[in-house]
Amino acid sequence: MTTKRFLYLNEFGDALLIHHEGEDTLTTLQTLVEGWVQPVPTNAAETGFEGDVWVNEEGLGVPTFAVNLLASMYAGTRLVGPAVIAKFDSETGETLGLTEADLRGITSKGLMVDDNNSEGWTPKAAADLRGRIVSASLN
């Protein structure tokens, strides 16, 4: 089984390295963005990274979603809610994980990525972290 790595960005400034096991990438992306997914191409000229930022396609209508400054920077447009950075193979239609070179390029711009002590985060743990932060902010 192949492990894919994605970068999860929530609206609170967390950048978590996700380790995805298995073939069902769509379900993983939907878990992380909390709904139906929509890819937005990265602004490679500004960020030096060519890929996609996956967001919730109905995110503007979700009352608990806030502007995601990190994701917005990578996309070059205003995005809300949690987001995932990954790559896409236009020939196969497959969502690809990030390589070591991708991660080095992303972190060379100063972004601190939490890799959960080199074990990576599960999609559920990342989504749960965001849920706890939202719950705390609503109280």
Protein backbone atom coordinates (compact mmCIF):
# COMPACT_ATOMS: atom_id res chain seq x y z
CA MET A 1 0.00 0.00 0.00
CA THR A 2 1.37 3.38 -1.02
CA THR A 3 1.48 6.30 1.37
CA LYS A 4 0.68 9.70 -0.11
CA ARG A 5 1.57 12.90 1.69
CA PHE A 6 -0.64 15.96 1.56
CA LEU A 7 -0.30 19.34 3.24
CA TYR A 8 -3.36 20.31 5.27
CA LEU A 9 -3.84 24.02 5.95
CA ASN A 10 -6.56 25.19 8.31
CA GLU A 11 -7.71 28.76 8.86
CA PHE A 12 -5.87 29.00 12.17
CA GLY A 13 -2.39 28.83 10.65
CA ASP A 14 -1.76 25.12 11.18
CA ALA A 15 0.14 23.33 8.41
CA LEU A 16 -0.02 19.59 9.02
CA LEU A 17 1.64 16.86 6.97
CA ILE A 18 -1.01 14.22 6.25
CA HIS A 19 -0.06 10.61 5.63
CA HIS A 20 -2.74 8.99 3.50
CA GLU A 21 -2.78 5.20 3.22
CA GLY A 22 -4.83 3.51 0.55
CA GLU A 23 -6.47 4.22 -2.74
CA ASP A 24 -9.55 6.28 -1.79
CA THR A 25 -8.02 9.75 -2.05
CA LEU A 26 -11.38 11.45 -2.69
CA THR A 27 -12.77 10.41 0.70
CA THR A 28 -9.59 11.64 2.38
CA LEU A 29 -9.80 15.02 0.66
CA GLN A 30 -13.50 15.31 1.53
CA THR A 31 -12.76 14.52 5.18
CA LEU A 32 -10.07 17.19 5.31
CA VAL A 33 -12.07 19.97 3.62
CA GLU A 34 -15.31 18.90 5.30
CA GLY A 35 -17.39 18.41 2.16
CA TRP A 36 -17.29 18.22 -1.62
CA VAL A 37 -13.88 19.12 -3.03
CA GLN A 38 -12.86 21.65 -5.62
CA PRO A 39 -9.27 22.10 -6.87
CA VAL A 40 -7.79 25.56 -7.29
CA PRO A 41 -4.42 25.74 -9.10
CA THR A 42 -1.54 27.14 -7.10
CA ASN A 43 0.02 30.44 -8.04
CA ALA A 44 3.34 28.87 -9.03
CA ALA A 45 4.88 32.20 -10.08
CA GLU A 46 4.51 33.51 -6.53
CA THR A 47 4.95 30.35 -4.46
CA GLY A 48 7.40 28.30 -6.52
CA PHE A 49 5.10 25.28 -6.14
CA GLU A 50 2.98 23.92 -8.96
CA GLY A 51 0.03 21.89 -7.79
CA ASP A 52 -3.50 22.30 -6.50
CA VAL A 53 -5.17 23.64 -3.39
CA TRP A 54 -8.25 21.53 -2.66
CA VAL A 55 -11.06 23.33 -0.83
CA ASN A 56 -14.71 22.77 0.04
CA GLU A 57 -16.67 23.79 -3.06
CA GLU A 58 -19.48 25.18 -0.89
CA GLY A 59 -17.10 26.77 1.62
CA LEU A 60 -18.41 30.32 1.26
CA GLY A 61 -21.74 29.13 2.67
CA VAL A 62 -20.30 27.36 5.72
CA PRO A 63 -20.69 29.65 8.75
CA THR A 64 -17.77 28.12 10.69
CA PHE A 65 -15.31 28.66 7.83
CA ALA A 66 -13.02 31.69 7.96
CA VAL A 67 -10.56 33.09 5.44
CA ASN A 68 -7.61 30.73 5.11
CA LEU A 69 -4.63 33.05 4.63
CA LEU A 70 -2.10 30.26 3.96
CA ALA A 71 -4.27 28.54 1.34
CA SER A 72 -5.15 31.92 -0.20
CA MET A 73 -1.45 32.72 -0.55
CA TYR A 74 -0.78 29.45 -2.40
CA ALA A 75 -3.79 29.87 -4.70
CA GLY A 76 -3.39 33.60 -5.30
CA THR A 77 -7.08 34.10 -4.54
CA ARG A 78 -9.24 34.34 -1.41
CA LEU A 79 -10.13 30.90 -0.02
CA VAL A 80 -12.10 29.95 3.08
CA GLY A 81 -12.11 26.88 5.31
CA PRO A 82 -9.63 24.04 5.55
CA ALA A 83 -7.57 23.26 2.46
CA VAL A 84 -5.22 20.57 1.18
CA ILE A 85 -2.20 21.03 -1.07
CA ALA A 86 -1.50 18.14 -3.43
CA LYS A 87 -0.60 17.45 -7.03
CA PHE A 88 -2.68 16.15 -9.91
CA ASP A 89 -1.69 13.91 -12.81
CA SER A 90 -3.58 15.27 -15.82
CA GLU A 91 -2.94 12.09 -17.82
CA THR A 92 -4.38 9.64 -15.28
CA GLY A 93 -6.67 11.94 -13.30
CA GLU A 94 -5.00 10.78 -10.11
CA THR A 95 -4.37 13.03 -7.12
CA LEU A 96 -0.71 12.67 -6.22
CA GLY A 97 1.06 13.11 -2.94
CA LEU A 98 3.83 15.59 -2.32
CA THR A 99 7.45 14.57 -2.87
CA GLU A 100 10.39 15.44 -0.62
CA ALA A 101 11.39 18.09 -3.16
CA ASP A 102 7.87 19.59 -3.03
CA LEU A 103 8.01 19.75 0.77
CA ARG A 104 11.50 21.29 0.73
CA GLY A 105 10.29 23.93 -1.72
CA ILE A 106 7.25 24.72 0.41
CA THR A 107 9.20 24.93 3.67
CA SER A 108 12.03 26.93 2.06
CA LYS A 109 9.57 29.85 1.95
CA GLY A 110 9.40 29.78 5.77
CA LEU A 111 6.27 27.69 6.33
CA MET A 112 6.55 25.55 9.45
CA VAL A 113 4.99 22.13 8.81
CA ASP A 114 3.98 19.89 11.72
CA ASP A 115 4.82 16.32 10.75
CA ASN A 116 3.64 14.80 14.07
CA ASN A 117 7.13 13.64 15.06
CA SER A 118 7.81 12.23 11.56
CA GLU A 119 4.71 10.02 11.68
CA GLY A 120 2.41 12.41 9.83
CA TRP A 121 -1.17 13.19 10.77
CA THR A 122 -4.13 11.05 9.85
CA PRO A 123 -6.95 12.85 8.02
CA LYS A 124 -9.27 12.25 10.98
CA ALA A 125 -6.79 13.66 13.52
CA ALA A 126 -6.28 16.80 11.41
CA ALA A 127 -10.03 17.35 11.02
CA ASP A 128 -10.56 16.71 14.74
CA LEU A 129 -7.93 19.34 15.61
CA ARG A 130 -9.78 21.93 13.53
CA GLY A 131 -13.07 20.91 15.14
CA ARG A 132 -11.65 21.44 18.65
CA ILE A 133 -10.33 24.88 17.70
CA VAL A 134 -13.69 25.90 16.18
CA SER A 135 -15.58 24.61 19.24
CA ALA A 136 -13.28 26.51 21.60
CA SER A 137 -13.69 29.73 19.62
CA LEU A 138 -17.49 29.47 19.68
CA ASN A 139 -17.59 29.14 23.49
